[in-house]
């Protein structure tokens, strides 16, 4: 394992990342191909969590995610529904809380656009 890390460091020219990395992992995303979901970093404050109080998050899982995000960044974006310019998050609760607790301003999101009827369906 140490050899792999050493070779990786040589390959990357000794690049190292101090502290917490942004959720984007530094990987730029382009526009989706053929109508796929749009993936963007969205400020946490812009995401409404209407079902947030339905059940508590597993704090061990949140802590593990915080450690992982701190080391390697967010690996899987959360899903959000955009309705008339407002973002609603119905999944990724642990990842969202981990970002909040780490003090990260944004989170990588896979965005689906929907109607008010779609939103009402998710609220049931």
PDB file of N, CA and C in Angstrom:
ATOM      1  N   UNK A   1       0.827  -1.194   0.000  1.00  0.00           N
ATOM      2  CA  UNK A   1       0.000   0.000   0.000  1.00  0.00           C
ATOM      3  C   UNK A   1       0.868   1.253   0.000  1.00  0.00           C
ATOM      4  N   UNK A   2       1.940   1.241   0.803  1.00  0.00           N
ATOM      5  CA  UNK A   2       2.835   2.397   0.867  1.00  0.00           C
ATOM      6  C   UNK A   2       3.468   2.646  -0.491  1.00  0.00           C
ATOM      7  N   UNK A   3       3.806   1.552  -1.194  1.00  0.00           N
ATOM      8  CA  UNK A   3       4.390   1.681  -2.521  1.00  0.00           C
ATOM      9  C   UNK A   3       3.407   2.340  -3.482  1.00  0.00           C
ATOM     10  N   UNK A   4       2.128   1.963  -3.397  1.00  0.00           N
ATOM     11  CA  UNK A   4       1.109   2.565  -4.237  1.00  0.00           C
ATOM     12  C   UNK A   4       1.008   4.057  -3.959  1.00  0.00           C
ATOM     13  N   UNK A   5       1.007   4.441  -2.677  1.00  0.00           N
ATOM     14  CA  UNK A   5       0.922   5.857  -2.323  1.00  0.00           C
ATOM     15  C   UNK A   5       2.136   6.620  -2.832  1.00  0.00           C
ATOM     16  N   UNK A   6       3.312   6.010  -2.734  1.00  0.00           N
ATOM     17  CA  UNK A   6       4.533   6.647  -3.205  1.00  0.00           C
ATOM     18  C   UNK A   6       4.487   6.829  -4.714  1.00  0.00           C
ATOM     19  N   UNK A   7       4.072   5.786  -5.430  1.00  0.00           N
ATOM     20  CA  UNK A   7       3.976   5.888  -6.888  1.00  0.00           C
ATOM     21  C   UNK A   7       2.925   6.903  -7.301  1.00  0.00           C
ATOM     22  N   UNK A   8       1.820   6.951  -6.576  1.00  0.00           N
ATOM     23  CA  UNK A   8       0.776   7.919  -6.878  1.00  0.00           C
ATOM     24  C   UNK A   8       1.292   9.340  -6.655  1.00  0.00           C
ATOM     25  N   UNK A   9       2.037   9.543  -5.584  1.00  0.00           N
ATOM     26  CA  UNK A   9       2.601  10.872  -5.313  1.00  0.00           C
ATOM     27  C   UNK A   9       3.561  11.275  -6.426  1.00  0.00           C
ATOM     28  N   UNK A  10       4.378  10.323  -6.920  1.00  0.00           N
ATOM     29  CA  UNK A  10       5.290  10.632  -8.019  1.00  0.00           C
ATOM     30  C   UNK A  10       4.512  10.968  -9.282  1.00  0.00           C
ATOM     31  N   UNK A  11       3.451  10.185  -9.541  1.00  0.00           N
ATOM     32  CA  UNK A  11       2.637  10.404 -10.734  1.00  0.00           C
ATOM     33  C   UNK A  11       1.985  11.775 -10.715  1.00  0.00           C
ATOM     34  N   UNK A  12       1.532  12.181  -9.541  1.00  0.00           N
ATOM     35  CA  UNK A  12       0.854  13.474  -9.424  1.00  0.00           C
ATOM     36  C   UNK A  12       1.818  14.621  -9.173  1.00  0.00           C
ATOM     37  N   UNK A  13       3.091  14.347  -9.229  1.00  0.00           N
ATOM     38  CA  UNK A  13       4.077  15.409  -9.041  1.00  0.00           C
ATOM     39  C   UNK A  13       4.141  15.917  -7.624  1.00  0.00           C
ATOM     40  N   UNK A  14       3.889  15.046  -6.651  1.00  0.00           N
ATOM     41  CA  UNK A  14       3.972  15.460  -5.258  1.00  0.00           C
ATOM     42  C   UNK A  14       2.797  16.280  -4.793  1.00  0.00           C
ATOM     43  N   UNK A  15       1.704  16.282  -5.569  1.00  0.00           N
ATOM     44  CA  UNK A  15       0.526  17.048  -5.193  1.00  0.00           C
ATOM     45  C   UNK A  15      -0.032  16.527  -3.881  1.00  0.00           C
ATOM     46  N   UNK A  16      -0.347  17.426  -2.971  1.00  0.00           N
ATOM     47  CA  UNK A  16      -1.030  17.041  -1.737  1.00  0.00           C
ATOM     48  C   UNK A  16      -2.105  18.062  -1.454  1.00  0.00           C
ATOM     49  N   UNK A  17      -3.121  17.649  -0.753  1.00  0.00           N
ATOM     50  CA  UNK A  17      -4.256  18.507  -0.475  1.00  0.00           C
ATOM     51  C   UNK A  17      -4.329  18.804   1.016  1.00  0.00           C
ATOM     52  N   UNK A  18      -4.059  20.033   1.420  1.00  0.00           N
ATOM     53  CA  UNK A  18      -4.132  20.355   2.847  1.00  0.00           C
ATOM     54  C   UNK A  18      -5.573  20.526   3.289  1.00  0.00           C
ATOM     55  N   UNK A  19      -5.892  20.018   4.483  1.00  0.00           N
ATOM     56  CA  UNK A  19      -7.197  20.262   5.076  1.00  0.00           C
ATOM     57  C   UNK A  19      -8.346  19.649   4.309  1.00  0.00           C
ATOM     58  N   UNK A  20      -9.507  20.268   4.431  1.00  0.00           N
ATOM     59  CA  UNK A  20     -10.727  19.775   3.809  1.00  0.00           C
ATOM     60  C   UNK A  20     -10.757  20.189   2.346  1.00  0.00           C
ATOM     61  N   UNK A  21     -11.120  19.227   1.526  1.00  0.00           N
ATOM     62  CA  UNK A  21     -11.261  19.505   0.098  1.00  0.00           C
ATOM     63  C   UNK A  21     -12.719  19.799  -0.206  1.00  0.00           C
ATOM     64  N   UNK A  22     -12.956  20.587  -1.220  1.00  0.00           N
ATOM     65  CA  UNK A  22     -14.324  20.882  -1.619  1.00  0.00           C
ATOM     66  C   UNK A  22     -15.007  19.617  -2.091  1.00  0.00           C
ATOM     67  N   UNK A  23     -16.314  19.616  -2.044  1.00  0.00           N
ATOM     68  CA  UNK A  23     -17.067  18.430  -2.404  1.00  0.00           C
ATOM     69  C   UNK A  23     -16.867  18.032  -3.856  1.00  0.00           C
ATOM     70  N   UNK A  24     -16.409  18.947  -4.678  1.00  0.00           N
ATOM     71  CA  UNK A  24     -16.251  18.649  -6.093  1.00  0.00           C
ATOM     72  C   UNK A  24     -15.061  17.754  -6.385  1.00  0.00           C
ATOM     73  N   UNK A  25     -14.173  17.563  -5.405  1.00  0.00           N
ATOM     74  CA  UNK A  25     -12.960  16.783  -5.627  1.00  0.00           C
ATOM     75  C   UNK A  25     -12.086  17.383  -6.710  1.00  0.00           C
ATOM     76  N   UNK A  26     -12.370  18.594  -7.103  1.00  0.00           N
ATOM     77  CA  UNK A  26     -11.573  19.240  -8.131  1.00  0.00           C
ATOM     78  C   UNK A  26     -11.850  18.723  -9.520  1.00  0.00           C
ATOM     79  N   UNK A  27     -12.855  17.864  -9.673  1.00  0.00           N
ATOM     80  CA  UNK A  27     -13.167  17.301 -10.977  1.00  0.00           C
ATOM     81  C   UNK A  27     -14.250  18.161 -11.622  1.00  0.00           C
ATOM     82  N   UNK A  28     -13.937  18.809 -12.739  1.00  0.00           N
ATOM     83  CA  UNK A  28     -14.954  19.654 -13.368  1.00  0.00           C
ATOM     84  C   UNK A  28     -16.020  18.798 -14.042  1.00  0.00           C
ATOM     85  N   UNK A  29     -17.262  19.223 -13.939  1.00  0.00           N
ATOM     86  CA  UNK A  29     -18.344  18.537 -14.621  1.00  0.00           C
ATOM     87  C   UNK A  29     -18.802  19.381 -15.788  1.00  0.00           C
ATOM     88  N   UNK A  30     -19.148  18.725 -16.857  1.00  0.00           N
ATOM     89  CA  UNK A  30     -19.645  19.435 -18.034  1.00  0.00           C
ATOM     90  C   UNK A  30     -21.146  19.238 -18.108  1.00  0.00           C
ATOM     91  N   UNK A  31     -21.748  19.810 -19.115  1.00  0.00           N
ATOM     92  CA  UNK A  31     -23.183  19.671 -19.304  1.00  0.00           C
ATOM     93  C   UNK A  31     -23.513  18.202 -19.531  1.00  0.00           C
ATOM     94  N   UNK A  32     -24.699  17.781 -19.068  1.00  0.00           N
ATOM     95  CA  UNK A  32     -25.058  16.380 -19.236  1.00  0.00           C
ATOM     96  C   UNK A  32     -25.223  16.018 -20.701  1.00  0.00           C
ATOM     97  N   UNK A  33     -24.905  14.773 -21.017  1.00  0.00           N
ATOM     98  CA  UNK A  33     -25.058  14.283 -22.378  1.00  0.00           C
ATOM     99  C   UNK A  33     -26.487  13.810 -22.573  1.00  0.00           C
ATOM    100  N   UNK A  34     -27.051  14.100 -23.694  1.00  0.00           N
ATOM    101  CA  UNK A  34     -28.369  13.635 -24.125  1.00  0.00           C
ATOM    102  C   UNK A  34     -29.441  13.727 -23.044  1.00  0.00           C
ATOM    103  N   UNK A  35     -29.545  14.879 -22.420  1.00  0.00           N
ATOM    104  CA  UNK A  35     -30.629  15.116 -21.479  1.00  0.00           C
ATOM    105  C   UNK A  35     -30.483  14.459 -20.126  1.00  0.00           C
ATOM    106  N   UNK A  36     -29.300  13.990 -19.770  1.00  0.00           N
ATOM    107  CA  UNK A  36     -29.084  13.380 -18.456  1.00  0.00           C
ATOM    108  C   UNK A  36     -29.180  14.410 -17.354  1.00  0.00           C
ATOM    109  N   UNK A  37     -29.076  13.966 -16.100  1.00  0.00           N
ATOM    110  CA  UNK A  37     -29.181  14.918 -14.989  1.00  0.00           C
ATOM    111  C   UNK A  37     -27.996  15.878 -14.960  1.00  0.00           C
ATOM    112  N   UNK A  38     -28.270  17.089 -14.550  1.00  0.00           N
ATOM    113  CA  UNK A  38     -27.246  18.110 -14.392  1.00  0.00           C
ATOM    114  C   UNK A  38     -26.585  17.908 -13.039  1.00  0.00           C
ATOM    115  N   UNK A  39     -25.262  17.996 -12.982  1.00  0.00           N
ATOM    116  CA  UNK A  39     -24.544  17.837 -11.719  1.00  0.00           C
ATOM    117  C   UNK A  39     -23.801  19.141 -11.429  1.00  0.00           C
ATOM    118  N   UNK A  40     -24.140  19.737 -10.273  1.00  0.00           N
ATOM    119  CA  UNK A  40     -23.560  21.012  -9.870  1.00  0.00           C
ATOM    120  C   UNK A  40     -23.297  21.026  -8.377  1.00  0.00           C
ATOM    121  N   UNK A  41     -22.395  21.907  -7.941  1.00  0.00           N
ATOM    122  CA  UNK A  41     -22.222  22.194  -6.525  1.00  0.00           C
ATOM    123  C   UNK A  41     -23.217  23.285  -6.162  1.00  0.00           C
ATOM    124  N   UNK A  42     -24.059  23.008  -5.177  1.00  0.00           N
ATOM    125  CA  UNK A  42     -25.103  23.950  -4.761  1.00  0.00           C
ATOM    126  C   UNK A  42     -24.852  24.337  -3.307  1.00  0.00           C
ATOM    127  N   UNK A  43     -25.015  25.628  -2.963  1.00  0.00           N
ATOM    128  CA  UNK A  43     -24.872  26.025  -1.552  1.00  0.00           C
ATOM    129  C   UNK A  43     -25.872  25.269  -0.673  1.00  0.00           C
ATOM    130  N   UNK A  44     -25.400  24.785   0.464  1.00  0.00           N
ATOM    131  CA  UNK A  44     -26.271  24.041   1.375  1.00  0.00           C
ATOM    132  C   UNK A  44     -27.508  24.845   1.753  1.00  0.00           C
ATOM    133  N   UNK A  45     -27.328  26.148   1.918  1.00  0.00           N
ATOM    134  CA  UNK A  45     -28.431  27.007   2.343  1.00  0.00           C
ATOM    135  C   UNK A  45     -29.542  27.118   1.297  1.00  0.00           C
ATOM    136  N   UNK A  46     -29.250  26.733   0.058  1.00  0.00           N
ATOM    137  CA  UNK A  46     -30.231  26.819  -1.025  1.00  0.00           C
ATOM    138  C   UNK A  46     -31.071  25.545  -1.161  1.00  0.00           C
ATOM    139  N   UNK A  47     -30.764  24.523  -0.360  1.00  0.00           N
ATOM    140  CA  UNK A  47     -31.447  23.240  -0.475  1.00  0.00           C
ATOM    141  C   UNK A  47     -32.428  23.093   0.679  1.00  0.00           C
ATOM    142  N   UNK A  48     -33.698  22.920   0.337  1.00  0.00           N
ATOM    143  CA  UNK A  48     -34.732  22.692   1.354  1.00  0.00           C
ATOM    144  C   UNK A  48     -34.806  21.196   1.634  1.00  0.00           C
ATOM    145  N   UNK A  49     -34.933  20.866   2.892  1.00  0.00           N
ATOM    146  CA  UNK A  49     -34.993  19.465   3.321  1.00  0.00           C
ATOM    147  C   UNK A  49     -36.356  19.227   3.981  1.00  0.00           C
ATOM    148  N   UNK A  50     -37.424  19.088   3.198  1.00  0.00           N
ATOM    149  CA  UNK A  50     -38.769  19.020   3.778  1.00  0.00           C
ATOM    150  C   UNK A  50     -39.030  17.800   4.653  1.00  0.00           C
ATOM    151  N   UNK A  51     -38.306  16.716   4.482  1.00  0.00           N
ATOM    152  CA  UNK A  51     -38.538  15.509   5.281  1.00  0.00           C
ATOM    153  C   UNK A  51     -37.456  15.300   6.335  1.00  0.00           C
ATOM    154  N   UNK A  52     -36.705  16.342   6.642  1.00  0.00           N
ATOM    155  CA  UNK A  52     -35.539  16.233   7.506  1.00  0.00           C
ATOM    156  C   UNK A  52     -35.871  15.654   8.887  1.00  0.00           C
ATOM    157  N   UNK A  53     -37.027  15.902   9.395  1.00  0.00           N
ATOM    158  CA  UNK A  53     -37.346  15.482  10.758  1.00  0.00           C
ATOM    159  C   UNK A  53     -38.096  14.147  10.819  1.00  0.00           C
ATOM    160  N   UNK A  54     -38.160  13.411   9.714  1.00  0.00           N
ATOM    161  CA  UNK A  54     -38.899  12.152   9.731  1.00  0.00           C
ATOM    162  C   UNK A  54     -38.178  11.071  10.526  1.00  0.00           C
ATOM    163  N   UNK A  55     -36.860  11.070  10.512  1.00  0.00           N
ATOM    164  CA  UNK A  55     -36.078  10.129  11.323  1.00  0.00           C
ATOM    165  C   UNK A  55     -34.685  10.710  11.511  1.00  0.00           C
ATOM    166  N   UNK A  56     -34.062  10.414  12.650  1.00  0.00           N
ATOM    167  CA  UNK A  56     -32.715  10.952  12.890  1.00  0.00           C
ATOM    168  C   UNK A  56     -31.659  10.216  12.065  1.00  0.00           C
ATOM    169  N   UNK A  57     -30.602  10.933  11.737  1.00  0.00           N
ATOM    170  CA  UNK A  57     -29.472  10.324  11.036  1.00  0.00           C
ATOM    171  C   UNK A  57     -28.658   9.463  11.992  1.00  0.00           C
ATOM    172  N   UNK A  58     -28.032   8.433  11.454  1.00  0.00           N
ATOM    173  CA  UNK A  58     -27.108   7.588  12.201  1.00  0.00           C
ATOM    174  C   UNK A  58     -25.814   8.393  12.366  1.00  0.00           C
ATOM    175  N   UNK A  59     -25.518   8.810  13.603  1.00  0.00           N
ATOM    176  CA  UNK A  59     -24.377   9.693  13.842  1.00  0.00           C
ATOM    177  C   UNK A  59     -23.029   9.023  13.586  1.00  0.00           C
ATOM    178  N   UNK A  60     -22.959   7.710  13.726  1.00  0.00           N
ATOM    179  CA  UNK A  60     -21.722   6.990  13.392  1.00  0.00           C
ATOM    180  C   UNK A  60     -21.480   7.082  11.877  1.00  0.00           C
ATOM    181  N   UNK A  61     -22.542   6.915  11.109  1.00  0.00           N
ATOM    182  CA  UNK A  61     -22.428   7.013   9.648  1.00  0.00           C
ATOM    183  C   UNK A  61     -22.033   8.436   9.235  1.00  0.00           C
ATOM    184  N   UNK A  62     -22.623   9.440   9.884  1.00  0.00           N
ATOM    185  CA  UNK A  62     -22.279  10.838   9.578  1.00  0.00           C
ATOM    186  C   UNK A  62     -20.803  11.079   9.881  1.00  0.00           C
ATOM    187  N   UNK A  63     -20.329  10.593  11.027  1.00  0.00           N
ATOM    188  CA  UNK A  63     -18.925  10.779  11.411  1.00  0.00           C
ATOM    189  C   UNK A  63     -17.993  10.098  10.411  1.00  0.00           C
ATOM    190  N   UNK A  64     -18.345   8.866   9.990  1.00  0.00           N
ATOM    191  CA  UNK A  64     -17.531   8.158   8.990  1.00  0.00           C
ATOM    192  C   UNK A  64     -17.502   8.914   7.664  1.00  0.00           C
ATOM    193  N   UNK A  65     -18.652   9.445   7.270  1.00  0.00           N
ATOM    194  CA  UNK A  65     -18.711  10.230   6.032  1.00  0.00           C
ATOM    195  C   UNK A  65     -17.887  11.510   6.148  1.00  0.00           C
ATOM    196  N   UNK A  66     -17.920  12.142   7.312  1.00  0.00           N
ATOM    197  CA  UNK A  66     -17.119  13.352   7.514  1.00  0.00           C
ATOM    198  C   UNK A  66     -15.643  13.049   7.302  1.00  0.00           C
ATOM    199  N   UNK A  67     -15.192  11.949   7.869  1.00  0.00           N
ATOM    200  CA  UNK A  67     -13.792  11.555   7.718  1.00  0.00           C
ATOM    201  C   UNK A  67     -13.456  11.281   6.254  1.00  0.00           C
ATOM    202  N   UNK A  68     -14.334  10.568   5.571  1.00  0.00           N
ATOM    203  CA  UNK A  68     -14.111  10.256   4.157  1.00  0.00           C
ATOM    204  C   UNK A  68     -14.107  11.521   3.296  1.00  0.00           C
ATOM    205  N   UNK A  69     -15.081  12.390   3.522  1.00  0.00           N
ATOM    206  CA  UNK A  69     -15.171  13.638   2.742  1.00  0.00           C
ATOM    207  C   UNK A  69     -13.953  14.509   2.996  1.00  0.00           C
ATOM    208  N   UNK A  70     -13.496  14.537   4.247  1.00  0.00           N
ATOM    209  CA  UNK A  70     -12.309  15.328   4.596  1.00  0.00           C
ATOM    210  C   UNK A  70     -11.087  14.810   3.836  1.00  0.00           C
ATOM    211  N   UNK A  71     -10.988  13.488   3.696  1.00  0.00           N
ATOM    212  CA  UNK A  71      -9.813  12.886   3.057  1.00  0.00           C
ATOM    213  C   UNK A  71      -9.890  12.877   1.532  1.00  0.00           C
ATOM    214  N   UNK A  72     -11.033  12.446   0.987  1.00  0.00           N
ATOM    215  CA  UNK A  72     -11.096  12.234  -0.470  1.00  0.00           C
ATOM    216  C   UNK A  72     -12.221  12.986  -1.164  1.00  0.00           C
ATOM    217  N   UNK A  73     -13.014  13.727  -0.403  1.00  0.00           N
ATOM    218  CA  UNK A  73     -14.109  14.472  -1.011  1.00  0.00           C
ATOM    219  C   UNK A  73     -15.353  13.610  -1.173  1.00  0.00           C
ATOM    220  N   UNK A  74     -16.432  14.245  -1.565  1.00  0.00           N
ATOM    221  CA  UNK A  74     -17.702  13.550  -1.767  1.00  0.00           C
ATOM    222  C   UNK A  74     -17.611  12.697  -3.024  1.00  0.00           C
ATOM    223  N   UNK A  75     -17.930  11.424  -2.903  1.00  0.00           N
ATOM    224  CA  UNK A  75     -17.810  10.501  -4.030  1.00  0.00           C
ATOM    225  C   UNK A  75     -19.107  10.337  -4.812  1.00  0.00           C
ATOM    226  N   UNK A  76     -20.233  10.543  -4.161  1.00  0.00           N
ATOM    227  CA  UNK A  76     -21.533  10.363  -4.816  1.00  0.00           C
ATOM    228  C   UNK A  76     -22.393  11.586  -4.533  1.00  0.00           C
ATOM    229  N   UNK A  77     -22.826  12.305  -5.585  1.00  0.00           N
ATOM    230  CA  UNK A  77     -23.655  13.492  -5.346  1.00  0.00           C
ATOM    231  C   UNK A  77     -24.998  13.118  -4.723  1.00  0.00           C
ATOM    232  N   UNK A  78     -25.597  14.062  -4.002  1.00  0.00           N
ATOM    233  CA  UNK A  78     -26.949  13.839  -3.497  1.00  0.00           C
ATOM    234  C   UNK A  78     -27.926  14.170  -4.621  1.00  0.00           C
ATOM    235  N   UNK A  79     -29.121  13.630  -4.533  1.00  0.00           N
ATOM    236  CA  UNK A  79     -30.167  13.912  -5.520  1.00  0.00           C
ATOM    237  C   UNK A  79     -31.032  15.053  -5.009  1.00  0.00           C
ATOM    238  N   UNK A  80     -31.272  16.037  -5.875  1.00  0.00           N
ATOM    239  CA  UNK A  80     -32.199  17.111  -5.532  1.00  0.00           C
ATOM    240  C   UNK A  80     -33.206  17.277  -6.661  1.00  0.00           C
ATOM    241  N   UNK A  81     -34.370  17.752  -6.287  1.00  0.00           N
ATOM    242  CA  UNK A  81     -35.430  18.047  -7.240  1.00  0.00           C
ATOM    243  C   UNK A  81     -35.548  19.557  -7.327  1.00  0.00           C
ATOM    244  N   UNK A  82     -35.446  20.098  -8.538  1.00  0.00           N
ATOM    245  CA  UNK A  82     -35.617  21.540  -8.733  1.00  0.00           C
ATOM    246  C   UNK A  82     -37.030  21.792  -9.234  1.00  0.00           C
ATOM    247  N   UNK A  83     -37.765  22.603  -8.486  1.00  0.00           N
ATOM    248  CA  UNK A  83     -39.121  22.993  -8.872  1.00  0.00           C
ATOM    249  C   UNK A  83     -39.179  24.504  -8.847  1.00  0.00           C
ATOM    250  N   UNK A  84     -39.354  25.086 -10.009  1.00  0.00           N
ATOM    251  CA  UNK A  84     -39.453  26.544 -10.156  1.00  0.00           C
ATOM    252  C   UNK A  84     -38.286  27.264  -9.488  1.00  0.00           C
ATOM    253  N   UNK A  85     -37.074  26.754  -9.689  1.00  0.00           N
ATOM    254  CA  UNK A  85     -35.866  27.397  -9.195  1.00  0.00           C
ATOM    255  C   UNK A  85     -35.528  27.121  -7.738  1.00  0.00           C
ATOM    256  N   UNK A  86     -36.315  26.289  -7.065  1.00  0.00           N
ATOM    257  CA  UNK A  86     -36.062  25.946  -5.664  1.00  0.00           C
ATOM    258  C   UNK A  86     -35.624  24.487  -5.612  1.00  0.00           C
ATOM    259  N   UNK A  87     -34.565  24.217  -4.836  1.00  0.00           N
ATOM    260  CA  UNK A  87     -34.015  22.866  -4.736  1.00  0.00           C
ATOM    261  C   UNK A  87     -34.550  22.172  -3.493  1.00  0.00           C
ATOM    262  N   UNK A  88     -35.027  20.932  -3.689  1.00  0.00           N
ATOM    263  CA  UNK A  88     -35.545  20.110  -2.599  1.00  0.00           C
ATOM    264  C   UNK A  88     -34.728  18.833  -2.527  1.00  0.00           C
ATOM    265  N   UNK A  89     -34.226  18.531  -1.336  1.00  0.00           N
ATOM    266  CA  UNK A  89     -33.451  17.321  -1.130  1.00  0.00           C
ATOM    267  C   UNK A  89     -34.253  16.278  -0.391  1.00  0.00           C
ATOM    268  N   UNK A  90     -34.371  15.085  -0.990  1.00  0.00           N
ATOM    269  CA  UNK A  90     -35.115  13.994  -0.369  1.00  0.00           C
ATOM    270  C   UNK A  90     -34.228  12.793  -0.075  1.00  0.00           C
ATOM    271  N   UNK A  91     -32.993  12.838  -0.486  1.00  0.00           N
ATOM    272  CA  UNK A  91     -32.060  11.741  -0.216  1.00  0.00           C
ATOM    273  C   UNK A  91     -30.706  12.353   0.139  1.00  0.00           C
ATOM    274  N   UNK A  92     -29.769  11.508   0.545  1.00  0.00           N
ATOM    275  CA  UNK A  92     -28.437  12.004   0.880  1.00  0.00           C
ATOM    276  C   UNK A  92     -28.370  12.714   2.208  1.00  0.00           C
ATOM    277  N   UNK A  93     -29.252  12.336   3.141  1.00  0.00           N
ATOM    278  CA  UNK A  93     -29.332  13.026   4.435  1.00  0.00           C
ATOM    279  C   UNK A  93     -28.015  12.970   5.207  1.00  0.00           C
ATOM    280  N   UNK A  94     -27.365  11.817   5.211  1.00  0.00           N
ATOM    281  CA  UNK A  94     -26.109  11.673   5.943  1.00  0.00           C
ATOM    282  C   UNK A  94     -25.006  12.502   5.293  1.00  0.00           C
ATOM    283  N   UNK A  95     -24.943  12.485   3.966  1.00  0.00           N
ATOM    284  CA  UNK A  95     -23.929  13.271   3.255  1.00  0.00           C
ATOM    285  C   UNK A  95     -24.170  14.762   3.473  1.00  0.00           C
ATOM    286  N   UNK A  96     -25.437  15.179   3.453  1.00  0.00           N
ATOM    287  CA  UNK A  96     -25.790  16.576   3.672  1.00  0.00           C
ATOM    288  C   UNK A  96     -25.356  17.015   5.075  1.00  0.00           C
ATOM    289  N   UNK A  97     -25.688  16.221   6.101  1.00  0.00           N
ATOM    290  CA  UNK A  97     -25.302  16.574   7.469  1.00  0.00           C
ATOM    291  C   UNK A  97     -23.784  16.591   7.630  1.00  0.00           C
ATOM    292  N   UNK A  98     -23.090  15.643   6.988  1.00  0.00           N
ATOM    293  CA  UNK A  98     -21.627  15.620   7.072  1.00  0.00           C
ATOM    294  C   UNK A  98     -21.046  16.918   6.506  1.00  0.00           C
ATOM    295  N   UNK A  99     -21.580  17.387   5.385  1.00  0.00           N
ATOM    296  CA  UNK A  99     -21.104  18.652   4.810  1.00  0.00           C
ATOM    297  C   UNK A  99     -21.382  19.815   5.760  1.00  0.00           C
ATOM    298  N   UNK A 100     -22.574  19.825   6.367  1.00  0.00           N
ATOM    299  CA  UNK A 100     -22.902  20.886   7.321  1.00  0.00           C
ATOM    300  C   UNK A 100     -21.914  20.888   8.478  1.00  0.00           C
ATOM    301  N   UNK A 101     -21.679  19.728   9.058  1.00  0.00           N
ATOM    302  CA  UNK A 101     -20.809  19.646  10.229  1.00  0.00           C
ATOM    303  C   UNK A 101     -19.358  19.960   9.901  1.00  0.00           C
ATOM    304  N   UNK A 102     -18.951  19.712   8.654  1.00  0.00           N
ATOM    305  CA  UNK A 102     -17.590  20.065   8.232  1.00  0.00           C
ATOM    306  C   UNK A 102     -17.463  21.553   7.893  1.00  0.00           C
ATOM    307  N   UNK A 103     -18.592  22.240   7.804  1.00  0.00           N
ATOM    308  CA  UNK A 103     -18.567  23.665   7.479  1.00  0.00           C
ATOM    309  C   UNK A 103     -18.350  23.938   6.002  1.00  0.00           C
ATOM    310  N   UNK A 104     -18.626  22.942   5.162  1.00  0.00           N
ATOM    311  CA  UNK A 104     -18.475  23.142   3.718  1.00  0.00           C
ATOM    312  C   UNK A 104     -19.667  23.946   3.202  1.00  0.00           C
ATOM    313  N   UNK A 105     -19.426  24.926   2.349  1.00  0.00           N
ATOM    314  CA  UNK A 105     -20.521  25.785   1.903  1.00  0.00           C
ATOM    315  C   UNK A 105     -21.404  25.170   0.820  1.00  0.00           C
ATOM    316  N   UNK A 106     -20.872  24.210   0.063  1.00  0.00           N
ATOM    317  CA  UNK A 106     -21.625  23.624  -1.046  1.00  0.00           C
ATOM    318  C   UNK A 106     -21.581  22.107  -0.977  1.00  0.00           C
ATOM    319  N   UNK A 107     -22.466  21.489  -1.758  1.00  0.00           N
ATOM    320  CA  UNK A 107     -22.478  20.039  -1.891  1.00  0.00           C
ATOM    321  C   UNK A 107     -22.787  19.690  -3.339  1.00  0.00           C
ATOM    322  N   UNK A 108     -22.115  18.679  -3.830  1.00  0.00           N
ATOM    323  CA  UNK A 108     -22.324  18.221  -5.207  1.00  0.00           C
ATOM    324  C   UNK A 108     -23.702  17.568  -5.306  1.00  0.00           C
ATOM    325  N   UNK A 109     -24.517  18.003  -6.286  1.00  0.00           N
ATOM    326  CA  UNK A 109     -25.894  17.535  -6.434  1.00  0.00           C
ATOM    327  C   UNK A 109     -26.179  17.067  -7.853  1.00  0.00           C
ATOM    328  N   UNK A 110     -26.946  16.006  -7.934  1.00  0.00           N
ATOM    329  CA  UNK A 110     -27.503  15.549  -9.207  1.00  0.00           C
ATOM    330  C   UNK A 110     -28.911  16.133  -9.246  1.00  0.00           C
ATOM    331  N   UNK A 111     -29.160  16.999 -10.228  1.00  0.00           N
ATOM    332  CA  UNK A 111     -30.395  17.784 -10.249  1.00  0.00           C
ATOM    333  C   UNK A 111     -31.378  17.223 -11.274  1.00  0.00           C
ATOM    334  N   UNK A 112     -32.578  16.933 -10.784  1.00  0.00           N
ATOM    335  CA  UNK A 112     -33.691  16.590 -11.662  1.00  0.00           C
ATOM    336  C   UNK A 112     -34.672  17.748 -11.597  1.00  0.00           C
ATOM    337  N   UNK A 113     -35.242  18.095 -12.726  1.00  0.00           N
ATOM    338  CA  UNK A 113     -36.259  19.155 -12.735  1.00  0.00           C
ATOM    339  C   UNK A 113     -37.633  18.505 -12.664  1.00  0.00           C
ATOM    340  N   UNK A 114     -38.527  19.144 -11.937  1.00  0.00           N
ATOM    341  CA  UNK A 114     -39.867  18.590 -11.790  1.00  0.00           C
ATOM    342  C   UNK A 114     -40.902  19.685 -11.654  1.00  0.00           C
ATOM    343  N   UNK A 115     -42.135  19.251 -11.569  1.00  0.00           N
ATOM    344  CA  UNK A 115     -43.271  20.152 -11.423  1.00  0.00           C
ATOM    345  C   UNK A 115     -43.731  20.146  -9.968  1.00  0.00           C
ATOM    346  N   UNK A 116     -44.682  21.010  -9.654  1.00  0.00           N
ATOM    347  CA  UNK A 116     -45.251  21.014  -8.305  1.00  0.00           C
ATOM    348  C   UNK A 116     -45.919  19.674  -8.008  1.00  0.00           C
ATOM    349  N   UNK A 117     -46.490  19.054  -9.016  1.00  0.00           N
ATOM    350  CA  UNK A 117     -47.109  17.740  -8.823  1.00  0.00           C
ATOM    351  C   UNK A 117     -46.055  16.699  -8.440  1.00  0.00           C
ATOM    352  N   UNK A 118     -44.882  16.762  -9.072  1.00  0.00           N
ATOM    353  CA  UNK A 118     -43.785  15.858  -8.721  1.00  0.00           C
ATOM    354  C   UNK A 118     -43.377  16.089  -7.269  1.00  0.00           C
ATOM    355  N   UNK A 119     -43.301  17.342  -6.865  1.00  0.00           N
ATOM    356  CA  UNK A 119     -42.945  17.679  -5.487  1.00  0.00           C
ATOM    357  C   UNK A 119     -43.984  17.131  -4.512  1.00  0.00           C
ATOM    358  N   UNK A 120     -45.273  17.297  -4.833  1.00  0.00           N
ATOM    359  CA  UNK A 120     -46.334  16.769  -3.966  1.00  0.00           C
ATOM    360  C   UNK A 120     -46.206  15.248  -3.838  1.00  0.00           C
ATOM    361  N   UNK A 121     -45.853  14.586  -4.916  1.00  0.00           N
ATOM    362  CA  UNK A 121     -45.664  13.129  -4.886  1.00  0.00           C
ATOM    363  C   UNK A 121     -44.537  12.740  -3.920  1.00  0.00           C
ATOM    364  N   UNK A 122     -43.450  13.480  -3.935  1.00  0.00           N
ATOM    365  CA  UNK A 122     -42.317  13.197  -3.040  1.00  0.00           C
ATOM    366  C   UNK A 122     -42.637  13.505  -1.582  1.00  0.00           C
ATOM    367  N   UNK A 123     -43.571  14.411  -1.355  1.00  0.00           N
ATOM    368  CA  UNK A 123     -43.918  14.801   0.006  1.00  0.00           C
ATOM    369  C   UNK A 123     -44.834  13.788   0.695  1.00  0.00           C
ATOM    370  N   UNK A 124     -45.437  12.890  -0.078  1.00  0.00           N
ATOM    371  CA  UNK A 124     -46.360  11.890   0.520  1.00  0.00           C
ATOM    372  C   UNK A 124     -45.637  10.901   1.355  1.00  0.00           C
TER     373      UNK A 124
END
